[in-house]
């Protein structure tokens, strides 16, 4: 397994977003949607997390049904059209810091670990 990372801009500080890239494609859900495992390694809960096509200002609704507690993981289903793989990531934490990252290849990188 190959490790790669992406630095995210966060309000008031920088937060590292690390994700693992596996050789195989992300597991597919119904209707072409993709599954991604999100792990919260910060000391505060993630209250919202969305995936939207690169450059889109809107869309990417919150995929979390409840906040993701520190140290916990969840498998999310990312809605995707056939062949759509690149997504920008938007979200926020309980301490009001914001998550933003661009062009994550969800077809290839299906694990997302959020860290300080």
PDB file of N, CA and C in Angstrom:
ATOM      1  N   UNK A   1       0.841  -1.176   0.000  1.00  0.00           N
ATOM      2  CA  UNK A   1       0.000   0.000   0.000  1.00  0.00           C
ATOM      3  C   UNK A   1       0.886   1.238   0.000  1.00  0.00           C
ATOM      4  N   UNK A   2       0.600   2.220  -0.822  1.00  0.00           N
ATOM      5  CA  UNK A   2       1.352   3.463  -0.953  1.00  0.00           C
ATOM      6  C   UNK A   2       0.697   4.526  -0.091  1.00  0.00           C
ATOM      7  N   UNK A   3       1.486   5.354   0.593  1.00  0.00           N
ATOM      8  CA  UNK A   3       0.968   6.433   1.429  1.00  0.00           C
ATOM      9  C   UNK A   3       1.165   7.758   0.716  1.00  0.00           C
ATOM     10  N   UNK A   4       0.168   8.608   0.763  1.00  0.00           N
ATOM     11  CA  UNK A   4       0.313   9.942   0.213  1.00  0.00           C
ATOM     12  C   UNK A   4      -0.433  10.902   1.114  1.00  0.00           C
ATOM     13  N   UNK A   5      -0.188  12.187   0.970  1.00  0.00           N
ATOM     14  CA  UNK A   5      -0.837  13.147   1.848  1.00  0.00           C
ATOM     15  C   UNK A   5      -1.247  14.398   1.109  1.00  0.00           C
ATOM     16  N   UNK A   6      -2.122  15.171   1.713  1.00  0.00           N
ATOM     17  CA  UNK A   6      -2.634  16.403   1.141  1.00  0.00           C
ATOM     18  C   UNK A   6      -2.795  17.385   2.278  1.00  0.00           C
ATOM     19  N   UNK A   7      -2.318  18.608   2.127  1.00  0.00           N
ATOM     20  CA  UNK A   7      -2.432  19.616   3.160  1.00  0.00           C
ATOM     21  C   UNK A   7      -3.696  20.426   2.930  1.00  0.00           C
ATOM     22  N   UNK A   8      -4.485  20.584   3.974  1.00  0.00           N
ATOM     23  CA  UNK A   8      -5.741  21.317   3.873  1.00  0.00           C
ATOM     24  C   UNK A   8      -5.639  22.663   4.565  1.00  0.00           C
ATOM     25  N   UNK A   9      -6.280  23.676   3.979  1.00  0.00           N
ATOM     26  CA  UNK A   9      -6.385  24.967   4.648  1.00  0.00           C
ATOM     27  C   UNK A   9      -7.498  24.886   5.673  1.00  0.00           C
ATOM     28  N   UNK A  10      -7.232  25.368   6.871  1.00  0.00           N
ATOM     29  CA  UNK A  10      -8.212  25.347   7.946  1.00  0.00           C
ATOM     30  C   UNK A  10      -8.259  26.758   8.517  1.00  0.00           C
ATOM     31  N   UNK A  11      -9.451  27.216   8.876  1.00  0.00           N
ATOM     32  CA  UNK A  11      -9.591  28.544   9.442  1.00  0.00           C
ATOM     33  C   UNK A  11      -8.725  28.675  10.685  1.00  0.00           C
ATOM     34  N   UNK A  12      -7.775  29.593  10.660  1.00  0.00           N
ATOM     35  CA  UNK A  12      -6.927  29.854  11.813  1.00  0.00           C
ATOM     36  C   UNK A  12      -5.721  28.938  11.945  1.00  0.00           C
ATOM     37  N   UNK A  13      -5.626  27.880  11.155  1.00  0.00           N
ATOM     38  CA  UNK A  13      -4.482  26.979  11.229  1.00  0.00           C
ATOM     39  C   UNK A  13      -4.478  26.059  10.035  1.00  0.00           C
ATOM     40  N   UNK A  14      -3.487  25.222   9.919  1.00  0.00           N
ATOM     41  CA  UNK A  14      -3.450  24.209   8.874  1.00  0.00           C
ATOM     42  C   UNK A  14      -3.711  22.860   9.494  1.00  0.00           C
ATOM     43  N   UNK A  15      -4.451  22.043   8.806  1.00  0.00           N
ATOM     44  CA  UNK A  15      -4.759  20.696   9.266  1.00  0.00           C
ATOM     45  C   UNK A  15      -4.308  19.747   8.176  1.00  0.00           C
ATOM     46  N   UNK A  16      -3.621  18.705   8.525  1.00  0.00           N
ATOM     47  CA  UNK A  16      -3.140  17.752   7.530  1.00  0.00           C
ATOM     48  C   UNK A  16      -4.217  16.736   7.247  1.00  0.00           C
ATOM     49  N   UNK A  17      -4.394  16.442   6.005  1.00  0.00           N
ATOM     50  CA  UNK A  17      -5.316  15.403   5.576  1.00  0.00           C
ATOM     51  C   UNK A  17      -4.458  14.327   4.941  1.00  0.00           C
ATOM     52  N   UNK A  18      -4.465  13.160   5.532  1.00  0.00           N
ATOM     53  CA  UNK A  18      -3.664  12.072   4.984  1.00  0.00           C
ATOM     54  C   UNK A  18      -4.608  11.011   4.480  1.00  0.00           C
ATOM     55  N   UNK A  19      -4.278  10.437   3.364  1.00  0.00           N
ATOM     56  CA  UNK A  19      -5.112   9.348   2.884  1.00  0.00           C
ATOM     57  C   UNK A  19      -4.238   8.282   2.269  1.00  0.00           C
ATOM     58  N   UNK A  20      -4.750   7.066   2.349  1.00  0.00           N
ATOM     59  CA  UNK A  20      -4.026   5.919   1.817  1.00  0.00           C
ATOM     60  C   UNK A  20      -4.561   5.598   0.443  1.00  0.00           C
ATOM     61  N   UNK A  21      -3.675   5.242  -0.425  1.00  0.00           N
ATOM     62  CA  UNK A  21      -4.084   4.865  -1.765  1.00  0.00           C
ATOM     63  C   UNK A  21      -3.813   3.379  -1.939  1.00  0.00           C
ATOM     64  N   UNK A  22      -4.834   2.645  -2.242  1.00  0.00           N
ATOM     65  CA  UNK A  22      -4.674   1.214  -2.469  1.00  0.00           C
ATOM     66  C   UNK A  22      -4.639   0.948  -3.958  1.00  0.00           C
ATOM     67  N   UNK A  23      -4.063  -0.169  -4.348  1.00  0.00           N
ATOM     68  CA  UNK A  23      -3.933  -0.503  -5.768  1.00  0.00           C
ATOM     69  C   UNK A  23      -5.291  -0.710  -6.423  1.00  0.00           C
ATOM     70  N   UNK A  24      -6.252  -1.236  -5.677  1.00  0.00           N
ATOM     71  CA  UNK A  24      -7.567  -1.502  -6.254  1.00  0.00           C
ATOM     72  C   UNK A  24      -8.464  -0.271  -6.148  1.00  0.00           C
ATOM     73  N   UNK A  25      -9.514  -0.242  -6.929  1.00  0.00           N
ATOM     74  CA  UNK A  25     -10.457   0.870  -6.916  1.00  0.00           C
ATOM     75  C   UNK A  25     -11.313   0.812  -5.657  1.00  0.00           C
ATOM     76  N   UNK A  26     -11.902   1.961  -5.312  1.00  0.00           N
ATOM     77  CA  UNK A  26     -12.783   2.024  -4.147  1.00  0.00           C
ATOM     78  C   UNK A  26     -13.986   1.118  -4.368  1.00  0.00           C
ATOM     79  N   UNK A  27     -14.494   0.527  -3.292  1.00  0.00           N
ATOM     80  CA  UNK A  27     -15.681  -0.304  -3.435  1.00  0.00           C
ATOM     81  C   UNK A  27     -16.840   0.535  -3.957  1.00  0.00           C
ATOM     82  N   UNK A  28     -17.624  -0.024  -4.827  1.00  0.00           N
ATOM     83  CA  UNK A  28     -18.755   0.710  -5.400  1.00  0.00           C
ATOM     84  C   UNK A  28     -20.024   0.436  -4.607  1.00  0.00           C
ATOM     85  N   UNK A  29     -20.826   1.466  -4.461  1.00  0.00           N
ATOM     86  CA  UNK A  29     -22.132   1.346  -3.844  1.00  0.00           C
ATOM     87  C   UNK A  29     -23.157   1.370  -4.974  1.00  0.00           C
ATOM     88  N   UNK A  30     -24.433   1.311  -4.627  1.00  0.00           N
ATOM     89  CA  UNK A  30     -25.492   1.346  -5.638  1.00  0.00           C
ATOM     90  C   UNK A  30     -25.418   2.613  -6.475  1.00  0.00           C
ATOM     91  N   UNK A  31     -25.780   2.504  -7.753  1.00  0.00           N
ATOM     92  CA  UNK A  31     -25.900   3.655  -8.632  1.00  0.00           C
ATOM     93  C   UNK A  31     -24.589   4.326  -8.989  1.00  0.00           C
ATOM     94  N   UNK A  32     -23.463   3.616  -8.911  1.00  0.00           N
ATOM     95  CA  UNK A  32     -22.176   4.198  -9.269  1.00  0.00           C
ATOM     96  C   UNK A  32     -21.534   4.986  -8.157  1.00  0.00           C
ATOM     97  N   UNK A  33     -22.210   5.149  -7.008  1.00  0.00           N
ATOM     98  CA  UNK A  33     -21.626   5.873  -5.885  1.00  0.00           C
ATOM     99  C   UNK A  33     -20.430   5.096  -5.351  1.00  0.00           C
ATOM    100  N   UNK A  34     -19.535   5.796  -4.678  1.00  0.00           N
ATOM    101  CA  UNK A  34     -18.314   5.178  -4.161  1.00  0.00           C
ATOM    102  C   UNK A  34     -18.295   5.225  -2.638  1.00  0.00           C
ATOM    103  N   UNK A  35     -17.669   4.233  -2.034  1.00  0.00           N
ATOM    104  CA  UNK A  35     -17.556   4.190  -0.576  1.00  0.00           C
ATOM    105  C   UNK A  35     -16.155   4.631  -0.173  1.00  0.00           C
ATOM    106  N   UNK A  36     -16.098   5.433   0.886  1.00  0.00           N
ATOM    107  CA  UNK A  36     -14.826   5.908   1.410  1.00  0.00           C
ATOM    108  C   UNK A  36     -14.853   5.826   2.932  1.00  0.00           C
ATOM    109  N   UNK A  37     -13.753   5.345   3.506  1.00  0.00           N
ATOM    110  CA  UNK A  37     -13.641   5.253   4.957  1.00  0.00           C
ATOM    111  C   UNK A  37     -12.987   6.529   5.469  1.00  0.00           C
ATOM    112  N   UNK A  38     -13.673   7.216   6.386  1.00  0.00           N
ATOM    113  CA  UNK A  38     -13.169   8.454   6.977  1.00  0.00           C
ATOM    114  C   UNK A  38     -12.826   8.170   8.436  1.00  0.00           C
ATOM    115  N   UNK A  39     -11.601   8.559   8.841  1.00  0.00           N
ATOM    116  CA  UNK A  39     -11.153   8.385  10.222  1.00  0.00           C
ATOM    117  C   UNK A  39     -10.817   9.752  10.796  1.00  0.00           C
ATOM    118  N   UNK A  40     -11.342  10.038  11.984  1.00  0.00           N
ATOM    119  CA  UNK A  40     -11.093  11.308  12.667  1.00  0.00           C
ATOM    120  C   UNK A  40     -10.009  11.099  13.718  1.00  0.00           C
ATOM    121  N   UNK A  41      -8.807  11.625  13.459  1.00  0.00           N
ATOM    122  CA  UNK A  41      -7.712  11.513  14.423  1.00  0.00           C
ATOM    123  C   UNK A  41      -7.430  12.845  15.120  1.00  0.00           C
ATOM    124  N   UNK A  42      -8.387  13.770  15.031  1.00  0.00           N
ATOM    125  CA  UNK A  42      -8.284  15.014  15.803  1.00  0.00           C
ATOM    126  C   UNK A  42      -8.917  14.787  17.165  1.00  0.00           C
ATOM    127  N   UNK A  43      -8.746  15.754  18.070  1.00  0.00           N
ATOM    128  CA  UNK A  43      -9.284  15.628  19.422  1.00  0.00           C
ATOM    129  C   UNK A  43     -10.706  16.169  19.551  1.00  0.00           C
ATOM    130  N   UNK A  44     -11.299  16.617  18.436  1.00  0.00           N
ATOM    131  CA  UNK A  44     -12.681  17.110  18.437  1.00  0.00           C
ATOM    132  C   UNK A  44     -13.471  16.416  17.322  1.00  0.00           C
ATOM    133  N   UNK A  45     -14.786  16.405  17.470  1.00  0.00           N
ATOM    134  CA  UNK A  45     -15.659  15.736  16.508  1.00  0.00           C
ATOM    135  C   UNK A  45     -15.738  16.498  15.184  1.00  0.00           C
ATOM    136  N   UNK A  46     -15.918  15.744  14.103  1.00  0.00           N
ATOM    137  CA  UNK A  46     -16.219  16.323  12.791  1.00  0.00           C
ATOM    138  C   UNK A  46     -17.735  16.445  12.731  1.00  0.00           C
ATOM    139  N   UNK A  47     -18.235  17.652  12.494  1.00  0.00           N
ATOM    140  CA  UNK A  47     -19.688  17.849  12.485  1.00  0.00           C
ATOM    141  C   UNK A  47     -20.296  17.795  11.092  1.00  0.00           C
ATOM    142  N   UNK A  48     -19.498  18.092  10.062  1.00  0.00           N
ATOM    143  CA  UNK A  48     -20.011  17.996   8.697  1.00  0.00           C
ATOM    144  C   UNK A  48     -18.878  17.634   7.756  1.00  0.00           C
ATOM    145  N   UNK A  49     -19.229  16.889   6.702  1.00  0.00           N
ATOM    146  CA  UNK A  49     -18.251  16.493   5.703  1.00  0.00           C
ATOM    147  C   UNK A  49     -18.985  16.224   4.402  1.00  0.00           C
ATOM    148  N   UNK A  50     -18.555  16.882   3.343  1.00  0.00           N
ATOM    149  CA  UNK A  50     -19.180  16.708   2.038  1.00  0.00           C
ATOM    150  C   UNK A  50     -18.150  16.598   0.934  1.00  0.00           C
ATOM    151  N   UNK A  51     -18.523  15.955  -0.147  1.00  0.00           N
ATOM    152  CA  UNK A  51     -17.670  15.779  -1.322  1.00  0.00           C
ATOM    153  C   UNK A  51     -18.413  16.388  -2.498  1.00  0.00           C
ATOM    154  N   UNK A  52     -17.751  17.270  -3.264  1.00  0.00           N
ATOM    155  CA  UNK A  52     -18.390  17.878  -4.422  1.00  0.00           C
ATOM    156  C   UNK A  52     -17.418  17.929  -5.584  1.00  0.00           C
ATOM    157  N   UNK A  53     -17.929  17.987  -6.814  1.00  0.00           N
ATOM    158  CA  UNK A  53     -17.055  18.039  -7.985  1.00  0.00           C
ATOM    159  C   UNK A  53     -16.097  19.229  -7.886  1.00  0.00           C
ATOM    160  N   UNK A  54     -14.855  19.095  -8.364  1.00  0.00           N
ATOM    161  CA  UNK A  54     -13.880  20.185  -8.275  1.00  0.00           C
ATOM    162  C   UNK A  54     -14.411  21.496  -8.840  1.00  0.00           C
ATOM    163  N   UNK A  55     -14.181  22.567  -8.084  1.00  0.00           N
ATOM    164  CA  UNK A  55     -14.586  23.894  -8.525  1.00  0.00           C
ATOM    165  C   UNK A  55     -16.033  24.253  -8.259  1.00  0.00           C
ATOM    166  N   UNK A  56     -16.855  23.298  -7.829  1.00  0.00           N
ATOM    167  CA  UNK A  56     -18.267  23.586  -7.553  1.00  0.00           C
ATOM    168  C   UNK A  56     -18.385  24.408  -6.277  1.00  0.00           C
ATOM    169  N   UNK A  57     -19.251  25.413  -6.298  1.00  0.00           N
ATOM    170  CA  UNK A  57     -19.471  26.249  -5.115  1.00  0.00           C
ATOM    171  C   UNK A  57     -20.511  25.655  -4.186  1.00  0.00           C
ATOM    172  N   UNK A  58     -21.428  24.881  -4.755  1.00  0.00           N
ATOM    173  CA  UNK A  58     -22.498  24.308  -3.955  1.00  0.00           C
ATOM    174  C   UNK A  58     -22.616  22.820  -4.254  1.00  0.00           C
ATOM    175  N   UNK A  59     -23.461  22.180  -3.515  1.00  0.00           N
ATOM    176  CA  UNK A  59     -23.623  20.734  -3.648  1.00  0.00           C
ATOM    177  C   UNK A  59     -22.861  20.076  -2.519  1.00  0.00           C
ATOM    178  N   UNK A  60     -22.568  18.812  -2.646  1.00  0.00           N
ATOM    179  CA  UNK A  60     -21.792  18.124  -1.633  1.00  0.00           C
ATOM    180  C   UNK A  60     -22.383  18.236  -0.252  1.00  0.00           C
ATOM    181  N   UNK A  61     -23.633  17.854  -0.105  1.00  0.00           N
ATOM    182  CA  UNK A  61     -24.293  17.956   1.190  1.00  0.00           C
ATOM    183  C   UNK A  61     -23.561  17.136   2.249  1.00  0.00           C
ATOM    184  N   UNK A  62     -23.823  17.456   3.496  1.00  0.00           N
ATOM    185  CA  UNK A  62     -23.204  16.773   4.624  1.00  0.00           C
ATOM    186  C   UNK A  62     -23.559  15.285   4.594  1.00  0.00           C
ATOM    187  N   UNK A  63     -22.554  14.429   4.514  1.00  0.00           N
ATOM    188  CA  UNK A  63     -22.782  12.985   4.465  1.00  0.00           C
ATOM    189  C   UNK A  63     -22.823  12.349   5.850  1.00  0.00           C
ATOM    190  N   UNK A  64     -22.504  13.123   6.893  1.00  0.00           N
ATOM    191  CA  UNK A  64     -22.539  12.587   8.257  1.00  0.00           C
ATOM    192  C   UNK A  64     -23.941  12.701   8.842  1.00  0.00           C
ATOM    193  N   UNK A  65     -24.466  11.612   9.341  1.00  0.00           N
ATOM    194  CA  UNK A  65     -25.784  11.643   9.988  1.00  0.00           C
ATOM    195  C   UNK A  65     -25.677  12.177  11.407  1.00  0.00           C
ATOM    196  N   UNK A  66     -24.492  12.011  12.017  1.00  0.00           N
ATOM    197  CA  UNK A  66     -24.208  12.557  13.341  1.00  0.00           C
ATOM    198  C   UNK A  66     -22.712  12.856  13.372  1.00  0.00           C
ATOM    199  N   UNK A  67     -22.265  13.703  14.306  1.00  0.00           N
ATOM    200  CA  UNK A  67     -20.839  14.031  14.361  1.00  0.00           C
ATOM    201  C   UNK A  67     -19.976  12.771  14.508  1.00  0.00           C
ATOM    202  N   UNK A  68     -18.801  12.821  13.880  1.00  0.00           N
ATOM    203  CA  UNK A  68     -17.852  11.719  13.963  1.00  0.00           C
ATOM    204  C   UNK A  68     -16.871  12.034  15.086  1.00  0.00           C
ATOM    205  N   UNK A  69     -16.962  11.268  16.168  1.00  0.00           N
ATOM    206  CA  UNK A  69     -16.168  11.496  17.372  1.00  0.00           C
ATOM    207  C   UNK A  69     -14.679  11.274  17.130  1.00  0.00           C
ATOM    208  N   UNK A  70     -13.838  11.883  17.955  1.00  0.00           N
ATOM    209  CA  UNK A  70     -12.397  11.667  17.846  1.00  0.00           C
ATOM    210  C   UNK A  70     -12.060  10.179  17.953  1.00  0.00           C
ATOM    211  N   UNK A  71     -11.130   9.729  17.106  1.00  0.00           N
ATOM    212  CA  UNK A  71     -10.689   8.338  17.139  1.00  0.00           C
ATOM    213  C   UNK A  71     -11.610   7.357  16.443  1.00  0.00           C
ATOM    214  N   UNK A  72     -12.728   7.818  15.924  1.00  0.00           N
ATOM    215  CA  UNK A  72     -13.703   6.938  15.272  1.00  0.00           C
ATOM    216  C   UNK A  72     -13.570   6.984  13.757  1.00  0.00           C
ATOM    217  N   UNK A  73     -14.092   5.944  13.115  1.00  0.00           N
ATOM    218  CA  UNK A  73     -14.124   5.848  11.651  1.00  0.00           C
ATOM    219  C   UNK A  73     -15.545   5.557  11.198  1.00  0.00           C
ATOM    220  N   UNK A  74     -15.814   5.909   9.949  1.00  0.00           N
ATOM    221  CA  UNK A  74     -17.121   5.640   9.356  1.00  0.00           C
ATOM    222  C   UNK A  74     -16.924   5.411   7.856  1.00  0.00           C
ATOM    223  N   UNK A  75     -17.763   4.570   7.270  1.00  0.00           N
ATOM    224  CA  UNK A  75     -17.753   4.380   5.821  1.00  0.00           C
ATOM    225  C   UNK A  75     -18.881   5.236   5.258  1.00  0.00           C
ATOM    226  N   UNK A  76     -18.527   6.165   4.377  1.00  0.00           N
ATOM    227  CA  UNK A  76     -19.504   7.051   3.743  1.00  0.00           C
ATOM    228  C   UNK A  76     -19.691   6.659   2.290  1.00  0.00           C
ATOM    229  N   UNK A  77     -20.902   6.852   1.792  1.00  0.00           N
ATOM    230  CA  UNK A  77     -21.198   6.636   0.384  1.00  0.00           C
ATOM    231  C   UNK A  77     -21.212   7.986  -0.309  1.00  0.00           C
ATOM    232  N   UNK A  78     -20.282   8.173  -1.228  1.00  0.00           N
ATOM    233  CA  UNK A  78     -20.154   9.428  -1.970  1.00  0.00           C
ATOM    234  C   UNK A  78     -20.914   9.288  -3.289  1.00  0.00           C
ATOM    235  N   UNK A  79     -21.980  10.078  -3.479  1.00  0.00           N
ATOM    236  CA  UNK A  79     -22.711  10.015  -4.741  1.00  0.00           C
ATOM    237  C   UNK A  79     -21.805  10.426  -5.899  1.00  0.00           C
ATOM    238  N   UNK A  80     -21.796   9.629  -6.954  1.00  0.00           N
ATOM    239  CA  UNK A  80     -20.940   9.928  -8.105  1.00  0.00           C
ATOM    240  C   UNK A  80     -21.610   9.469  -9.387  1.00  0.00           C
ATOM    241  N   UNK A  81     -21.405  10.243 -10.433  1.00  0.00           N
ATOM    242  CA  UNK A  81     -21.857   9.828 -11.763  1.00  0.00           C
ATOM    243  C   UNK A  81     -20.838   8.848 -12.305  1.00  0.00           C
ATOM    244  N   UNK A  82     -21.226   8.081 -13.277  1.00  0.00           N
ATOM    245  CA  UNK A  82     -20.318   7.111 -13.888  1.00  0.00           C
ATOM    246  C   UNK A  82     -19.051   7.813 -14.367  1.00  0.00           C
ATOM    247  N   UNK A  83     -17.903   7.292 -13.947  1.00  0.00           N
ATOM    248  CA  UNK A  83     -16.622   7.846 -14.357  1.00  0.00           C
ATOM    249  C   UNK A  83     -16.154   9.050 -13.543  1.00  0.00           C
ATOM    250  N   UNK A  84     -16.994   9.550 -12.645  1.00  0.00           N
ATOM    251  CA  UNK A  84     -16.629  10.701 -11.826  1.00  0.00           C
ATOM    252  C   UNK A  84     -15.784  10.216 -10.642  1.00  0.00           C
ATOM    253  N   UNK A  85     -14.576  10.745 -10.507  1.00  0.00           N
ATOM    254  CA  UNK A  85     -13.664  10.291  -9.461  1.00  0.00           C
ATOM    255  C   UNK A  85     -13.110  11.421  -8.598  1.00  0.00           C
ATOM    256  N   UNK A  86     -12.885  12.598  -9.171  1.00  0.00           N
ATOM    257  CA  UNK A  86     -12.276  13.699  -8.434  1.00  0.00           C
ATOM    258  C   UNK A  86     -13.318  14.506  -7.676  1.00  0.00           C
ATOM    259  N   UNK A  87     -13.014  14.775  -6.396  1.00  0.00           N
ATOM    260  CA  UNK A  87     -13.926  15.530  -5.549  1.00  0.00           C
ATOM    261  C   UNK A  87     -13.157  16.505  -4.677  1.00  0.00           C
ATOM    262  N   UNK A  88     -13.749  17.667  -4.434  1.00  0.00           N
ATOM    263  CA  UNK A  88     -13.260  18.596  -3.417  1.00  0.00           C
ATOM    264  C   UNK A  88     -13.943  18.192  -2.116  1.00  0.00           C
ATOM    265  N   UNK A  89     -13.280  18.445  -1.009  1.00  0.00           N
ATOM    266  CA  UNK A  89     -13.790  18.056   0.302  1.00  0.00           C
ATOM    267  C   UNK A  89     -14.041  19.317   1.114  1.00  0.00           C
ATOM    268  N   UNK A  90     -15.218  19.410   1.705  1.00  0.00           N
ATOM    269  CA  UNK A  90     -15.572  20.526   2.570  1.00  0.00           C
ATOM    270  C   UNK A  90     -16.184  19.977   3.847  1.00  0.00           C
ATOM    271  N   UNK A  91     -15.858  20.588   4.958  1.00  0.00           N
ATOM    272  CA  UNK A  91     -16.439  20.142   6.216  1.00  0.00           C
ATOM    273  C   UNK A  91     -16.065  21.061   7.351  1.00  0.00           C
ATOM    274  N   UNK A  92     -16.471  20.648   8.551  1.00  0.00           N
ATOM    275  CA  UNK A  92     -16.147  21.454   9.729  1.00  0.00           C
ATOM    276  C   UNK A  92     -16.074  20.557  10.960  1.00  0.00           C
ATOM    277  N   UNK A  93     -15.387  21.093  11.959  1.00  0.00           N
ATOM    278  CA  UNK A  93     -15.220  20.423  13.237  1.00  0.00           C
ATOM    279  C   UNK A  93     -16.063  21.116  14.299  1.00  0.00           C
ATOM    280  N   UNK A  94     -16.240  20.441  15.411  1.00  0.00           N
ATOM    281  CA  UNK A  94     -16.992  20.969  16.540  1.00  0.00           C
ATOM    282  C   UNK A  94     -16.383  22.275  17.076  1.00  0.00           C
ATOM    283  N   UNK A  95     -15.056  22.439  16.939  1.00  0.00           N
ATOM    284  CA  UNK A  95     -14.399  23.663  17.413  1.00  0.00           C
ATOM    285  C   UNK A  95     -14.418  24.774  16.353  1.00  0.00           C
ATOM    286  N   UNK A  96     -15.232  24.613  15.330  1.00  0.00           N
ATOM    287  CA  UNK A  96     -15.500  25.585  14.269  1.00  0.00           C
ATOM    288  C   UNK A  96     -14.384  25.722  13.235  1.00  0.00           C
ATOM    289  N   UNK A  97     -13.362  24.878  13.294  1.00  0.00           N
ATOM    290  CA  UNK A  97     -12.367  24.854  12.230  1.00  0.00           C
ATOM    291  C   UNK A  97     -13.008  24.249  11.000  1.00  0.00           C
ATOM    292  N   UNK A  98     -12.584  24.701   9.832  1.00  0.00           N
ATOM    293  CA  UNK A  98     -13.158  24.201   8.587  1.00  0.00           C
ATOM    294  C   UNK A  98     -12.160  23.338   7.834  1.00  0.00           C
ATOM    295  N   UNK A  99     -12.674  22.333   7.162  1.00  0.00           N
ATOM    296  CA  UNK A  99     -11.888  21.422   6.341  1.00  0.00           C
ATOM    297  C   UNK A  99     -12.108  21.823   4.889  1.00  0.00           C
ATOM    298  N   UNK A 100     -11.025  21.895   4.124  1.00  0.00           N
ATOM    299  CA  UNK A 100     -11.172  22.071   2.684  1.00  0.00           C
ATOM    300  C   UNK A 100      -9.990  21.414   1.995  1.00  0.00           C
ATOM    301  N   UNK A 101     -10.266  20.638   0.996  1.00  0.00           N
ATOM    302  CA  UNK A 101      -9.232  19.968   0.225  1.00  0.00           C
ATOM    303  C   UNK A 101      -9.709  19.838  -1.201  1.00  0.00           C
ATOM    304  N   UNK A 102      -8.791  19.728  -2.134  1.00  0.00           N
ATOM    305  CA  UNK A 102      -9.228  19.692  -3.520  1.00  0.00           C
ATOM    306  C   UNK A 102      -8.695  18.477  -4.262  1.00  0.00           C
ATOM    307  N   UNK A 103      -9.505  18.037  -5.179  1.00  0.00           N
ATOM    308  CA  UNK A 103      -9.179  16.991  -6.148  1.00  0.00           C
ATOM    309  C   UNK A 103      -8.722  15.662  -5.549  1.00  0.00           C
ATOM    310  N   UNK A 104      -9.462  15.164  -4.569  1.00  0.00           N
ATOM    311  CA  UNK A 104      -9.199  13.823  -4.058  1.00  0.00           C
ATOM    312  C   UNK A 104      -9.779  12.826  -5.052  1.00  0.00           C
ATOM    313  N   UNK A 105      -8.983  11.857  -5.452  1.00  0.00           N
ATOM    314  CA  UNK A 105      -9.435  10.820  -6.383  1.00  0.00           C
ATOM    315  C   UNK A 105     -10.084   9.699  -5.570  1.00  0.00           C
ATOM    316  N   UNK A 106     -11.395   9.768  -5.431  1.00  0.00           N
ATOM    317  CA  UNK A 106     -12.143   8.816  -4.617  1.00  0.00           C
ATOM    318  C   UNK A 106     -12.158   7.423  -5.246  1.00  0.00           C
ATOM    319  N   UNK A 107     -11.959   7.324  -6.554  1.00  0.00           N
ATOM    320  CA  UNK A 107     -11.894   6.013  -7.197  1.00  0.00           C
ATOM    321  C   UNK A 107     -10.620   5.274  -6.796  1.00  0.00           C
ATOM    322  N   UNK A 108      -9.572   6.025  -6.533  1.00  0.00           N
ATOM    323  CA  UNK A 108      -8.275   5.447  -6.220  1.00  0.00           C
ATOM    324  C   UNK A 108      -7.976   5.463  -4.723  1.00  0.00           C
ATOM    325  N   UNK A 109      -8.232   6.576  -4.075  1.00  0.00           N
ATOM    326  CA  UNK A 109      -7.923   6.775  -2.662  1.00  0.00           C
ATOM    327  C   UNK A 109      -9.200   6.693  -1.847  1.00  0.00           C
ATOM    328  N   UNK A 110      -9.480   5.536  -1.295  1.00  0.00           N
ATOM    329  CA  UNK A 110     -10.762   5.368  -0.614  1.00  0.00           C
ATOM    330  C   UNK A 110     -10.654   5.351   0.913  1.00  0.00           C
ATOM    331  N   UNK A 111      -9.551   5.889   1.426  1.00  0.00           N
ATOM    332  CA  UNK A 111      -9.411   6.063   2.869  1.00  0.00           C
ATOM    333  C   UNK A 111      -8.963   7.502   3.128  1.00  0.00           C
ATOM    334  N   UNK A 112      -9.648   8.169   4.021  1.00  0.00           N
ATOM    335  CA  UNK A 112      -9.375   9.563   4.350  1.00  0.00           C
ATOM    336  C   UNK A 112      -9.178   9.643   5.858  1.00  0.00           C
ATOM    337  N   UNK A 113      -7.995  10.098   6.284  1.00  0.00           N
ATOM    338  CA  UNK A 113      -7.698  10.235   7.696  1.00  0.00           C
ATOM    339  C   UNK A 113      -7.439  11.713   7.980  1.00  0.00           C
ATOM    340  N   UNK A 114      -8.229  12.291   8.893  1.00  0.00           N
ATOM    341  CA  UNK A 114      -8.102  13.700   9.217  1.00  0.00           C
ATOM    342  C   UNK A 114      -7.320  13.832  10.524  1.00  0.00           C
ATOM    343  N   UNK A 115      -6.234  14.609  10.484  1.00  0.00           N
ATOM    344  CA  UNK A 115      -5.337  14.760  11.628  1.00  0.00           C
ATOM    345  C   UNK A 115      -5.021  16.217  11.862  1.00  0.00           C
ATOM    346  N   UNK A 116      -4.445  16.530  13.040  1.00  0.00           N
ATOM    347  CA  UNK A 116      -3.960  17.885  13.341  1.00  0.00           C
ATOM    348  C   UNK A 116      -2.700  18.151  12.566  1.00  0.00           C
TER     349      UNK A 116
END
